[in-house]
PDB file of all heavy atoms in Angstrom:
ATOM      1  N   HIS A   1      -3.590   8.509  -2.557  1.00  0.00           N
ATOM      2  CA  HIS A   1      -4.564   7.412  -2.559  1.00  0.00           C
ATOM      3  C   HIS A   1      -4.974   7.018  -1.144  1.00  0.00           C
ATOM      4  O   HIS A   1      -6.131   6.645  -0.907  1.00  0.00           O
ATOM      5  CB  HIS A   1      -3.996   6.222  -3.331  1.00  0.00           C
ATOM      6  CG  HIS A   1      -3.866   6.483  -4.796  1.00  0.00           C
ATOM      7  ND1 HIS A   1      -4.940   6.542  -5.643  1.00  0.00           N
ATOM      8  CD2 HIS A   1      -2.775   6.738  -5.571  1.00  0.00           C
ATOM      9  CE1 HIS A   1      -4.533   6.802  -6.872  1.00  0.00           C
ATOM     10  NE2 HIS A   1      -3.215   6.930  -6.846  1.00  0.00           N
ATOM     11  N   GLY A   2      -4.040   7.114  -0.202  1.00  0.00           N
ATOM     12  CA  GLY A   2      -4.375   6.839   1.188  1.00  0.00           C
ATOM     13  C   GLY A   2      -5.407   7.826   1.721  1.00  0.00           C
ATOM     14  O   GLY A   2      -6.323   7.455   2.465  1.00  0.00           O
ATOM     15  N   TYR A   3      -5.262   9.072   1.346  1.00  0.00           N
ATOM     16  CA  TYR A   3      -6.221  10.111   1.736  1.00  0.00           C
ATOM     17  C   TYR A   3      -7.611   9.776   1.219  1.00  0.00           C
ATOM     18  O   TYR A   3      -8.605   9.839   1.957  1.00  0.00           O
ATOM     19  CB  TYR A   3      -5.747  11.463   1.184  1.00  0.00           C
ATOM     20  CG  TYR A   3      -6.747  12.586   1.317  1.00  0.00           C
ATOM     21  CD1 TYR A   3      -6.815  13.360   2.484  1.00  0.00           C
ATOM     22  CD2 TYR A   3      -7.615  12.894   0.275  1.00  0.00           C
ATOM     23  CE1 TYR A   3      -7.724  14.409   2.603  1.00  0.00           C
ATOM     24  CE2 TYR A   3      -8.532  13.939   0.389  1.00  0.00           C
ATOM     25  CZ  TYR A   3      -8.579  14.686   1.551  1.00  0.00           C
ATOM     26  OH  TYR A   3      -9.484  15.722   1.671  1.00  0.00           O
ATOM     27  N   TRP A   4      -7.696   9.380  -0.045  1.00  0.00           N
ATOM     28  CA  TRP A   4      -8.998   9.063  -0.637  1.00  0.00           C
ATOM     29  C   TRP A   4      -9.603   7.782  -0.054  1.00  0.00           C
ATOM     30  O   TRP A   4     -10.813   7.696   0.141  1.00  0.00           O
ATOM     31  CB  TRP A   4      -8.878   8.967  -2.147  1.00  0.00           C
ATOM     32  CG  TRP A   4      -8.766  10.297  -2.826  1.00  0.00           C
ATOM     33  CD1 TRP A   4      -9.282  11.488  -2.397  1.00  0.00           C
ATOM     34  CD2 TRP A   4      -8.090  10.578  -4.051  1.00  0.00           C
ATOM     35  NE1 TRP A   4      -8.974  12.496  -3.288  1.00  0.00           N
ATOM     36  CE2 TRP A   4      -8.246  11.966  -4.308  1.00  0.00           C
ATOM     37  CE3 TRP A   4      -7.372   9.797  -4.966  1.00  0.00           C
ATOM     38  CZ2 TRP A   4      -7.706  12.580  -5.443  1.00  0.00           C
ATOM     39  CZ3 TRP A   4      -6.841  10.406  -6.085  1.00  0.00           C
ATOM     40  CH2 TRP A   4      -7.008  11.788  -6.325  1.00  0.00           C
ATOM     41  N   LEU A   5      -8.770   6.773   0.208  1.00  0.00           N
ATOM     42  CA  LEU A   5      -9.281   5.547   0.819  1.00  0.00           C
ATOM     43  C   LEU A   5      -9.941   5.857   2.170  1.00  0.00           C
ATOM     44  O   LEU A   5     -11.037   5.362   2.477  1.00  0.00           O
ATOM     45  CB  LEU A   5      -8.151   4.528   1.005  1.00  0.00           C
ATOM     46  CG  LEU A   5      -7.692   3.774  -0.254  1.00  0.00           C
ATOM     47  CD1 LEU A   5      -6.388   3.038   0.012  1.00  0.00           C
ATOM     48  CD2 LEU A   5      -8.771   2.798  -0.736  1.00  0.00           C
ATOM     49  N   LYS A   6      -9.273   6.686   2.945  1.00  0.00           N
ATOM     50  CA  LYS A   6      -9.823   7.069   4.252  1.00  0.00           C
ATOM     51  C   LYS A   6     -11.068   7.920   4.079  1.00  0.00           C
ATOM     52  O   LYS A   6     -12.075   7.733   4.785  1.00  0.00           O
ATOM     53  CB  LYS A   6      -8.748   7.825   5.046  1.00  0.00           C
ATOM     54  CG  LYS A   6      -9.166   8.172   6.461  1.00  0.00           C
ATOM     55  CD  LYS A   6      -8.024   8.844   7.220  1.00  0.00           C
ATOM     56  CE  LYS A   6      -8.452   9.201   8.638  1.00  0.00           C
ATOM     57  NZ  LYS A   6      -7.343   9.866   9.390  1.00  0.00           N
ATOM     58  N   LYS A   7     -11.022   8.858   3.143  1.00  0.00           N
ATOM     59  CA  LYS A   7     -12.131   9.791   2.907  1.00  0.00           C
ATOM     60  C   LYS A   7     -13.399   9.040   2.508  1.00  0.00           C
ATOM     61  O   LYS A   7     -14.512   9.391   2.938  1.00  0.00           O
ATOM     62  CB  LYS A   7     -11.737  10.771   1.802  1.00  0.00           C
ATOM     63  CG  LYS A   7     -12.589  12.025   1.732  1.00  0.00           C
ATOM     64  CD  LYS A   7     -12.152  13.019   2.788  1.00  0.00           C
ATOM     65  CE  LYS A   7     -12.846  14.352   2.621  1.00  0.00           C
ATOM     66  NZ  LYS A   7     -12.545  15.271   3.731  1.00  0.00           N
ATOM     67  N   HIS A   8     -13.247   7.998   1.693  1.00  0.00           N
ATOM     68  CA  HIS A   8     -14.400   7.238   1.207  1.00  0.00           C
ATOM     69  C   HIS A   8     -14.717   6.024   2.092  1.00  0.00           C
ATOM     70  O   HIS A   8     -15.670   5.290   1.807  1.00  0.00           O
ATOM     71  CB  HIS A   8     -14.156   6.774  -0.231  1.00  0.00           C
ATOM     72  CG  HIS A   8     -14.207   7.896  -1.232  1.00  0.00           C
ATOM     73  ND1 HIS A   8     -15.376   8.376  -1.753  1.00  0.00           N
ATOM     74  CD2 HIS A   8     -13.221   8.650  -1.781  1.00  0.00           C
ATOM     75  CE1 HIS A   8     -15.120   9.364  -2.592  1.00  0.00           C
ATOM     76  NE2 HIS A   8     -13.819   9.552  -2.623  1.00  0.00           N
ATOM     77  N   GLY A   9     -13.908   5.804   3.138  1.00  0.00           N
ATOM     78  CA  GLY A   9     -14.158   4.683   4.040  1.00  0.00           C
ATOM     79  C   GLY A   9     -14.043   3.331   3.352  1.00  0.00           C
ATOM     80  O   GLY A   9     -14.814   2.412   3.633  1.00  0.00           O
ATOM     81  N   LEU A  10     -13.070   3.200   2.467  1.00  0.00           N
ATOM     82  CA  LEU A  10     -12.922   1.981   1.675  1.00  0.00           C
ATOM     83  C   LEU A  10     -11.877   1.037   2.262  1.00  0.00           C
ATOM     84  O   LEU A  10     -10.851   1.482   2.801  1.00  0.00           O
ATOM     85  CB  LEU A  10     -12.532   2.334   0.235  1.00  0.00           C
ATOM     86  CG  LEU A  10     -13.531   3.182  -0.558  1.00  0.00           C
ATOM     87  CD1 LEU A  10     -12.945   3.560  -1.908  1.00  0.00           C
ATOM     88  CD2 LEU A  10     -14.846   2.429  -0.737  1.00  0.00           C
ATOM     89  N   GLU A  11     -12.125  -0.254   2.126  1.00  0.00           N
ATOM     90  CA  GLU A  11     -11.132  -1.258   2.500  1.00  0.00           C
ATOM     91  C   GLU A  11     -10.182  -1.430   1.322  1.00  0.00           C
ATOM     92  O   GLU A  11     -10.566  -1.935   0.269  1.00  0.00           O
ATOM     93  CB  GLU A  11     -11.821  -2.589   2.821  1.00  0.00           C
ATOM     94  CG  GLU A  11     -12.639  -2.575   4.106  1.00  0.00           C
ATOM     95  CD  GLU A  11     -11.774  -2.463   5.356  1.00  0.00           C
ATOM     96  OE1 GLU A  11     -10.642  -2.988   5.333  1.00  0.00           O
ATOM     97  OE2 GLU A  11     -12.221  -1.847   6.333  1.00  0.00           O
ATOM     98  N   GLY A  12      -8.983  -1.009   1.496  1.00  0.00           N
ATOM     99  CA  GLY A  12      -8.008  -1.116   0.425  1.00  0.00           C
ATOM    100  C   GLY A  12      -6.653  -0.654   0.900  1.00  0.00           C
ATOM    101  O   GLY A  12      -6.528  -0.037   1.967  1.00  0.00           O
ATOM    102  N   GLU A  13      -5.644  -0.958   0.123  1.00  0.00           N
ATOM    103  CA  GLU A  13      -4.281  -0.548   0.456  1.00  0.00           C
ATOM    104  C   GLU A  13      -3.599   0.005  -0.785  1.00  0.00           C
ATOM    105  O   GLU A  13      -3.851  -0.460  -1.907  1.00  0.00           O
ATOM    106  CB  GLU A  13      -3.450  -1.729   0.975  1.00  0.00           C
ATOM    107  CG  GLU A  13      -3.820  -2.206   2.351  1.00  0.00           C
ATOM    108  CD  GLU A  13      -2.907  -3.338   2.826  1.00  0.00           C
ATOM    109  OE1 GLU A  13      -1.959  -3.694   2.079  1.00  0.00           O
ATOM    110  OE2 GLU A  13      -3.139  -3.856   3.931  1.00  0.00           O
ATOM    111  N   TYR A  14      -2.744   0.997  -0.552  1.00  0.00           N
ATOM    112  CA  TYR A  14      -1.909   1.526  -1.634  1.00  0.00           C
ATOM    113  C   TYR A  14      -0.518   1.723  -1.057  1.00  0.00           C
ATOM    114  O   TYR A  14      -0.332   2.482  -0.096  1.00  0.00           O
ATOM    115  CB  TYR A  14      -2.466   2.850  -2.172  1.00  0.00           C
ATOM    116  CG  TYR A  14      -1.711   3.346  -3.388  1.00  0.00           C
ATOM    117  CD1 TYR A  14      -2.209   3.132  -4.666  1.00  0.00           C
ATOM    118  CD2 TYR A  14      -0.486   4.006  -3.265  1.00  0.00           C
ATOM    119  CE1 TYR A  14      -1.518   3.565  -5.788  1.00  0.00           C
ATOM    120  CE2 TYR A  14       0.215   4.430  -4.366  1.00  0.00           C
ATOM    121  CZ  TYR A  14      -0.308   4.214  -5.629  1.00  0.00           C
ATOM    122  OH  TYR A  14       0.394   4.636  -6.741  1.00  0.00           O
ATOM    123  N   GLY A  15       0.468   1.033  -1.638  1.00  0.00           N
ATOM    124  CA  GLY A  15       1.818   1.093  -1.103  1.00  0.00           C
ATOM    125  C   GLY A  15       2.866   1.411  -2.157  1.00  0.00           C
ATOM    126  O   GLY A  15       2.552   1.906  -3.241  1.00  0.00           O
ATOM    127  N   ARG A  16       4.097   1.120  -1.804  1.00  0.00           N
ATOM    128  CA  ARG A  16       5.231   1.332  -2.713  1.00  0.00           C
ATOM    129  C   ARG A  16       5.867  -0.012  -3.038  1.00  0.00           C
ATOM    130  O   ARG A  16       6.030  -0.849  -2.156  1.00  0.00           O
ATOM    131  CB  ARG A  16       6.283   2.242  -2.078  1.00  0.00           C
ATOM    132  CG  ARG A  16       5.873   3.688  -1.872  1.00  0.00           C
ATOM    133  CD  ARG A  16       7.034   4.483  -1.268  1.00  0.00           C
ATOM    134  NE  ARG A  16       6.759   5.914  -1.213  1.00  0.00           N
ATOM    135  CZ  ARG A  16       6.179   6.520  -0.187  1.00  0.00           C
ATOM    136  NH1 ARG A  16       5.822   5.800   0.883  1.00  0.00           N
ATOM    137  NH2 ARG A  16       5.962   7.821  -0.210  1.00  0.00           N
ATOM    138  N   LEU A  17       6.237  -0.196  -4.296  1.00  0.00           N
ATOM    139  CA  LEU A  17       6.907  -1.426  -4.707  1.00  0.00           C
ATOM    140  C   LEU A  17       8.068  -1.058  -5.622  1.00  0.00           C
ATOM    141  O   LEU A  17       7.875  -0.680  -6.775  1.00  0.00           O
ATOM    142  CB  LEU A  17       5.932  -2.356  -5.427  1.00  0.00           C
ATOM    143  CG  LEU A  17       6.470  -3.743  -5.830  1.00  0.00           C
ATOM    144  CD1 LEU A  17       7.012  -4.489  -4.611  1.00  0.00           C
ATOM    145  CD2 LEU A  17       5.369  -4.551  -6.494  1.00  0.00           C
ATOM    146  N   ASP A  18       9.270  -1.136  -5.071  1.00  0.00           N
ATOM    147  CA  ASP A  18      10.467  -0.803  -5.848  1.00  0.00           C
ATOM    148  C   ASP A  18      10.817  -1.971  -6.769  1.00  0.00           C
ATOM    149  O   ASP A  18      10.952  -3.106  -6.312  1.00  0.00           O
ATOM    150  CB  ASP A  18      11.631  -0.497  -4.909  1.00  0.00           C
ATOM    151  CG  ASP A  18      12.779   0.192  -5.626  1.00  0.00           C
ATOM    152  OD1 ASP A  18      13.408  -0.445  -6.489  1.00  0.00           O
ATOM    153  OD2 ASP A  18      13.041   1.372  -5.321  1.00  0.00           O
ATOM    154  N   VAL A  19      10.922  -1.682  -8.051  1.00  0.00           N
ATOM    155  CA  VAL A  19      11.231  -2.710  -9.051  1.00  0.00           C
ATOM    156  C   VAL A  19      12.638  -2.450  -9.593  1.00  0.00           C
ATOM    157  O   VAL A  19      12.863  -1.455 -10.285  1.00  0.00           O
ATOM    158  CB  VAL A  19      10.221  -2.678 -10.213  1.00  0.00           C
ATOM    159  CG1 VAL A  19      10.570  -3.744 -11.245  1.00  0.00           C
ATOM    160  CG2 VAL A  19       8.798  -2.865  -9.704  1.00  0.00           C
ATOM    161  N   PRO A  20      13.604  -3.304  -9.285  1.00  0.00           N
ATOM    162  CA  PRO A  20      14.951  -3.109  -9.822  1.00  0.00           C
ATOM    163  C   PRO A  20      14.909  -3.076 -11.354  1.00  0.00           C
ATOM    164  O   PRO A  20      14.160  -3.852 -11.969  1.00  0.00           O
ATOM    165  CB  PRO A  20      15.723  -4.332  -9.316  1.00  0.00           C
ATOM    166  CG  PRO A  20      14.957  -4.797  -8.116  1.00  0.00           C
ATOM    167  CD  PRO A  20      13.521  -4.497  -8.423  1.00  0.00           C
ATOM    168  N   PRO A  21      15.679  -2.195 -11.982  1.00  0.00           N
ATOM    169  CA  PRO A  21      15.645  -2.063 -13.440  1.00  0.00           C
ATOM    170  C   PRO A  21      15.841  -3.387 -14.180  1.00  0.00           C
ATOM    171  O   PRO A  21      15.174  -3.626 -15.194  1.00  0.00           O
ATOM    172  CB  PRO A  21      16.792  -1.090 -13.720  1.00  0.00           C
ATOM    173  CG  PRO A  21      16.889  -0.264 -12.485  1.00  0.00           C
ATOM    174  CD  PRO A  21      16.567  -1.185 -11.353  1.00  0.00           C
ATOM    175  N   GLU A  22      16.707  -4.255 -13.648  1.00  0.00           N
ATOM    176  CA  GLU A  22      16.972  -5.517 -14.346  1.00  0.00           C
ATOM    177  C   GLU A  22      15.770  -6.471 -14.281  1.00  0.00           C
ATOM    178  O   GLU A  22      15.699  -7.448 -15.030  1.00  0.00           O
ATOM    179  CB  GLU A  22      18.213  -6.202 -13.771  1.00  0.00           C
ATOM    180  CG  GLU A  22      18.125  -6.596 -12.310  1.00  0.00           C
ATOM    181  CD  GLU A  22      18.564  -5.496 -11.357  1.00  0.00           C
ATOM    182  OE1 GLU A  22      18.615  -4.298 -11.775  1.00  0.00           O
ATOM    183  OE2 GLU A  22      18.850  -5.822 -10.186  1.00  0.00           O
ATOM    184  N   ASN A  23      14.823  -6.179 -13.384  1.00  0.00           N
ATOM    185  CA  ASN A  23      13.638  -7.033 -13.240  1.00  0.00           C
ATOM    186  C   ASN A  23      12.386  -6.441 -13.883  1.00  0.00           C
ATOM    187  O   ASN A  23      11.323  -7.074 -13.856  1.00  0.00           O
ATOM    188  CB  ASN A  23      13.333  -7.284 -11.750  1.00  0.00           C
ATOM    189  CG  ASN A  23      14.419  -8.085 -11.058  1.00  0.00           C
ATOM    190  OD1 ASN A  23      15.253  -8.699 -11.720  1.00  0.00           O
ATOM    191  ND2 ASN A  23      14.407  -8.077  -9.736  1.00  0.00           N
ATOM    192  N   ALA A  24      12.490  -5.232 -14.440  1.00  0.00           N
ATOM    193  CA  ALA A  24      11.298  -4.502 -14.874  1.00  0.00           C
ATOM    194  C   ALA A  24      10.493  -5.250 -15.935  1.00  0.00           C
ATOM    195  O   ALA A  24       9.267  -5.405 -15.803  1.00  0.00           O
ATOM    196  CB  ALA A  24      11.691  -3.121 -15.388  1.00  0.00           C
ATOM    197  N   GLU A  25      11.149  -5.729 -16.981  1.00  0.00           N
ATOM    198  CA  GLU A  25      10.404  -6.420 -18.047  1.00  0.00           C
ATOM    199  C   GLU A  25       9.709  -7.663 -17.513  1.00  0.00           C
ATOM    200  O   GLU A  25       8.544  -7.935 -17.858  1.00  0.00           O
ATOM    201  CB  GLU A  25      11.343  -6.778 -19.203  1.00  0.00           C
ATOM    202  CG  GLU A  25      11.775  -5.568 -20.017  1.00  0.00           C
ATOM    203  CD  GLU A  25      12.507  -5.975 -21.291  1.00  0.00           C
ATOM    204  OE1 GLU A  25      12.359  -7.134 -21.738  1.00  0.00           O
ATOM    205  OE2 GLU A  25      13.225  -5.120 -21.836  1.00  0.00           O
ATOM    206  N   ARG A  26      10.385  -8.395 -16.662  1.00  0.00           N
ATOM    207  CA  ARG A  26       9.791  -9.608 -16.093  1.00  0.00           C
ATOM    208  C   ARG A  26       8.630  -9.258 -15.153  1.00  0.00           C
ATOM    209  O   ARG A  26       7.582  -9.912 -15.185  1.00  0.00           O
ATOM    210  CB  ARG A  26      10.855 -10.424 -15.358  1.00  0.00           C
ATOM    211  CG  ARG A  26      10.326 -11.759 -14.814  1.00  0.00           C
ATOM    212  CD  ARG A  26      11.447 -12.692 -14.383  1.00  0.00           C
ATOM    213  NE  ARG A  26      12.190 -12.214 -13.226  1.00  0.00           N
ATOM    214  CZ  ARG A  26      13.437 -11.727 -13.287  1.00  0.00           C
ATOM    215  NH1 ARG A  26      14.081 -11.664 -14.452  1.00  0.00           N
ATOM    216  NH2 ARG A  26      14.050 -11.320 -12.196  1.00  0.00           N
ATOM    217  N   PHE A  27       8.806  -8.218 -14.346  1.00  0.00           N
ATOM    218  CA  PHE A  27       7.762  -7.834 -13.395  1.00  0.00           C
ATOM    219  C   PHE A  27       6.476  -7.429 -14.114  1.00  0.00           C
ATOM    220  O   PHE A  27       5.389  -7.938 -13.798  1.00  0.00           O
ATOM    221  CB  PHE A  27       8.237  -6.680 -12.505  1.00  0.00           C
ATOM    222  CG  PHE A  27       7.155  -6.123 -11.622  1.00  0.00           C
ATOM    223  CD1 PHE A  27       6.798  -6.771 -10.448  1.00  0.00           C
ATOM    224  CD2 PHE A  27       6.470  -4.958 -11.981  1.00  0.00           C
ATOM    225  CE1 PHE A  27       5.775  -6.278  -9.641  1.00  0.00           C
ATOM    226  CE2 PHE A  27       5.454  -4.464 -11.176  1.00  0.00           C
ATOM    227  CZ  PHE A  27       5.105  -5.122 -10.012  1.00  0.00           C
ATOM    228  N   TYR A  28       6.579  -6.510 -15.086  1.00  0.00           N
ATOM    229  CA  TYR A  28       5.365  -6.041 -15.766  1.00  0.00           C
ATOM    230  C   TYR A  28       4.808  -7.118 -16.700  1.00  0.00           C
ATOM    231  O   TYR A  28       3.589  -7.209 -16.882  1.00  0.00           O
ATOM    232  CB  TYR A  28       5.633  -4.730 -16.508  1.00  0.00           C
ATOM    233  CG  TYR A  28       5.942  -3.599 -15.545  1.00  0.00           C
ATOM    234  CD1 TYR A  28       7.243  -3.090 -15.428  1.00  0.00           C
ATOM    235  CD2 TYR A  28       4.948  -3.078 -14.724  1.00  0.00           C
ATOM    236  CE1 TYR A  28       7.537  -2.079 -14.521  1.00  0.00           C
ATOM    237  CE2 TYR A  28       5.239  -2.069 -13.810  1.00  0.00           C
ATOM    238  CZ  TYR A  28       6.526  -1.578 -13.710  1.00  0.00           C
ATOM    239  OH  TYR A  28       6.808  -0.590 -12.792  1.00  0.00           O
ATOM    240  N   GLY A  29       5.684  -7.947 -17.245  1.00  0.00           N
ATOM    241  CA  GLY A  29       5.222  -9.040 -18.089  1.00  0.00           C
ATOM    242  C   GLY A  29       4.462 -10.105 -17.309  1.00  0.00           C
ATOM    243  O   GLY A  29       3.634 -10.828 -17.869  1.00  0.00           O
ATOM    244  N   ASN A  30       4.740 -10.193 -15.997  1.00  0.00           N
ATOM    245  CA  ASN A  30       4.061 -11.162 -15.125  1.00  0.00           C
ATOM    246  C   ASN A  30       3.297 -10.436 -14.018  1.00  0.00           C
ATOM    247  O   ASN A  30       3.260 -10.891 -12.870  1.00  0.00           O
ATOM    248  CB  ASN A  30       5.084 -12.123 -14.509  1.00  0.00           C
ATOM    249  CG  ASN A  30       5.809 -12.949 -15.554  1.00  0.00           C
ATOM    250  OD1 ASN A  30       5.219 -13.823 -16.183  1.00  0.00           O
ATOM    251  ND2 ASN A  30       7.087 -12.664 -15.748  1.00  0.00           N
ATOM    252  N   PHE A  31       2.679  -9.329 -14.361  1.00  0.00           N
ATOM    253  CA  PHE A  31       2.036  -8.483 -13.357  1.00  0.00           C
ATOM    254  C   PHE A  31       0.970  -9.239 -12.569  1.00  0.00           C
ATOM    255  O   PHE A  31       0.746  -8.953 -11.392  1.00  0.00           O
ATOM    256  CB  PHE A  31       1.417  -7.248 -14.027  1.00  0.00           C
ATOM    257  CG  PHE A  31       0.835  -6.269 -13.053  1.00  0.00           C
ATOM    258  CD1 PHE A  31       1.662  -5.382 -12.381  1.00  0.00           C
ATOM    259  CD2 PHE A  31      -0.530  -6.250 -12.787  1.00  0.00           C
ATOM    260  CE1 PHE A  31       1.127  -4.485 -11.452  1.00  0.00           C
ATOM    261  CE2 PHE A  31      -1.065  -5.358 -11.869  1.00  0.00           C
ATOM    262  CZ  PHE A  31      -0.234  -4.470 -11.205  1.00  0.00           C
TER     263      PHE A  31
END
């Protein structure tokens, strides 16, 4: 996604977000 953002000259970010397993239901439920 970083390659495409640069290729298209777009303002945007794509990163990594580690979600602990015990928090997964809460995280996606409150996305």
